Amino acid sequence: MAMTLRLSEAEDAALAKTAEQLGISKHEAARRAIRELIDSVSTPSMSDWLAAAEYVGRRDRELLDRLAQ
């Protein structure tokens, strides 16, 4: 699917520099950046995992204590 991406001059320059450093096209650099942003939003963070582990630890404390014996 095609789309137009409008960048400021500074954004375009930064994208061009990054693409050059990586040895890829600006198009590919933009696609990678978009994928990384989507992944970072859709992937649970470490704090989410720690909160879940803490919840399970509290909820199943008795069972975990028995298993540890």
C-alpha atoms as a PDB file:
ATOM      1  CA  MET A   1       0.000   0.000   0.000  1.00  0.00           C
ATOM      2  CA  ALA A   2       1.460   3.339  -1.012  1.00  0.00           C
ATOM      3  CA  MET A   3       1.431   6.444   1.146  1.00  0.00           C
ATOM      4  CA  THR A   4       3.038   9.853   1.206  1.00  0.00           C
ATOM      5  CA  LEU A   5       5.211  10.726   4.180  1.00  0.00           C
ATOM      6  CA  ARG A   6       5.850  14.417   4.697  1.00  0.00           C
ATOM      7  CA  LEU A   7       8.965  15.213   6.723  1.00  0.00           C
ATOM      8  CA  SER A   8      10.490  18.467   7.840  1.00  0.00           C
ATOM      9  CA  GLU A   9      13.881  19.324   6.355  1.00  0.00           C
ATOM     10  CA  ALA A  10      15.556  18.328   9.617  1.00  0.00           C
ATOM     11  CA  GLU A  11      13.707  14.992   9.744  1.00  0.00           C
ATOM     12  CA  ASP A  12      14.586  14.261   6.117  1.00  0.00           C
ATOM     13  CA  ALA A  13      18.249  15.081   6.750  1.00  0.00           C
ATOM     14  CA  ALA A  14      18.323  12.853   9.849  1.00  0.00           C
ATOM     15  CA  LEU A  15      16.633  10.032   7.941  1.00  0.00           C
ATOM     16  CA  ALA A  16      19.104  10.380   5.046  1.00  0.00           C
ATOM     17  CA  LYS A  17      22.077  10.353   7.438  1.00  0.00           C
ATOM     18  CA  THR A  18      20.770   7.315   9.293  1.00  0.00           C
ATOM     19  CA  ALA A  19      20.040   5.441   6.075  1.00  0.00           C
ATOM     20  CA  GLU A  20      23.535   6.210   4.782  1.00  0.00           C
ATOM     21  CA  GLN A  21      25.128   4.985   8.019  1.00  0.00           C
ATOM     22  CA  LEU A  22      23.152   1.748   7.786  1.00  0.00           C
ATOM     23  CA  GLY A  23      23.805   1.338   4.079  1.00  0.00           C
ATOM     24  CA  ILE A  24      20.099   1.237   3.231  1.00  0.00           C
ATOM     25  CA  SER A  25      17.629   3.465   1.409  1.00  0.00           C
ATOM     26  CA  LYS A  26      15.642   6.179   3.164  1.00  0.00           C
ATOM     27  CA  HIS A  27      12.554   4.154   2.306  1.00  0.00           C
ATOM     28  CA  GLU A  28      13.893   1.086   4.143  1.00  0.00           C
ATOM     29  CA  ALA A  29      15.064   3.203   7.095  1.00  0.00           C
ATOM     30  CA  ALA A  30      11.581   4.694   7.448  1.00  0.00           C
ATOM     31  CA  ARG A  31       9.968   1.241   7.224  1.00  0.00           C
ATOM     32  CA  ARG A  32      12.293  -0.109   9.932  1.00  0.00           C
ATOM     33  CA  ALA A  33      11.570   2.858  12.190  1.00  0.00           C
ATOM     34  CA  ILE A  34       7.833   2.350  11.769  1.00  0.00           C
ATOM     35  CA  ARG A  35       8.126  -1.381  12.534  1.00  0.00           C
ATOM     36  CA  GLU A  36      10.208  -0.666  15.643  1.00  0.00           C
ATOM     37  CA  LEU A  37       7.637   1.844  16.878  1.00  0.00           C
ATOM     38  CA  ILE A  38       4.780  -0.589  16.318  1.00  0.00           C
ATOM     39  CA  ASP A  39       6.694  -3.381  18.058  1.00  0.00           C
ATOM     40  CA  SER A  40       7.548  -1.178  21.035  1.00  0.00           C
ATOM     41  CA  VAL A  41       3.905  -0.228  21.519  1.00  0.00           C
ATOM     42  CA  SER A  42       2.509  -3.728  21.052  1.00  0.00           C
ATOM     43  CA  THR A  43       5.167  -5.607  23.058  1.00  0.00           C
ATOM     44  CA  PRO A  44       4.688  -5.709  26.819  1.00  0.00           C
ATOM     45  CA  SER A  45       7.370  -3.775  28.681  1.00  0.00           C
ATOM     46  CA  MET A  46       9.561  -5.238  31.391  1.00  0.00           C
ATOM     47  CA  SER A  47       7.469  -3.435  34.025  1.00  0.00           C
ATOM     48  CA  ASP A  48       4.351  -5.175  32.641  1.00  0.00           C
ATOM     49  CA  TRP A  49       6.065  -8.551  33.020  1.00  0.00           C
ATOM     50  CA  LEU A  50       7.255  -7.741  36.538  1.00  0.00           C
ATOM     51  CA  ALA A  51       3.788  -6.567  37.583  1.00  0.00           C
ATOM     52  CA  ALA A  52       2.272  -9.788  36.243  1.00  0.00           C
ATOM     53  CA  ALA A  53       4.858 -11.920  38.075  1.00  0.00           C
ATOM     54  CA  GLU A  54       4.230 -10.026  41.299  1.00  0.00           C
ATOM     55  CA  TYR A  55       0.476 -10.526  40.928  1.00  0.00           C
ATOM     56  CA  VAL A  56       0.873 -14.281  40.360  1.00  0.00           C
ATOM     57  CA  GLY A  57       3.283 -14.485  43.298  1.00  0.00           C
ATOM     58  CA  ARG A  58       0.756 -12.867  45.622  1.00  0.00           C
ATOM     59  CA  ARG A  59      -2.192 -14.811  44.238  1.00  0.00           C
ATOM     60  CA  ASP A  60      -0.469 -18.216  44.391  1.00  0.00           C
ATOM     61  CA  ARG A  61       1.800 -17.669  47.415  1.00  0.00           C
ATOM     62  CA  GLU A  62       0.558 -20.757  49.277  1.00  0.00           C
ATOM     63  CA  LEU A  63       0.987 -23.027  46.259  1.00  0.00           C
ATOM     64  CA  LEU A  64       4.449 -21.630  45.518  1.00  0.00           C
ATOM     65  CA  ASP A  65       5.517 -22.142  49.132  1.00  0.00           C
ATOM     66  CA  ARG A  66       4.378 -25.784  49.023  1.00  0.00           C
ATOM     67  CA  LEU A  67       6.192 -26.383  45.734  1.00  0.00           C
ATOM     68  CA  ALA A  68       9.381 -24.892  47.170  1.00  0.00           C
ATOM     69  CA  GLN A  69       9.468 -27.491  49.980  1.00  0.00           C
END
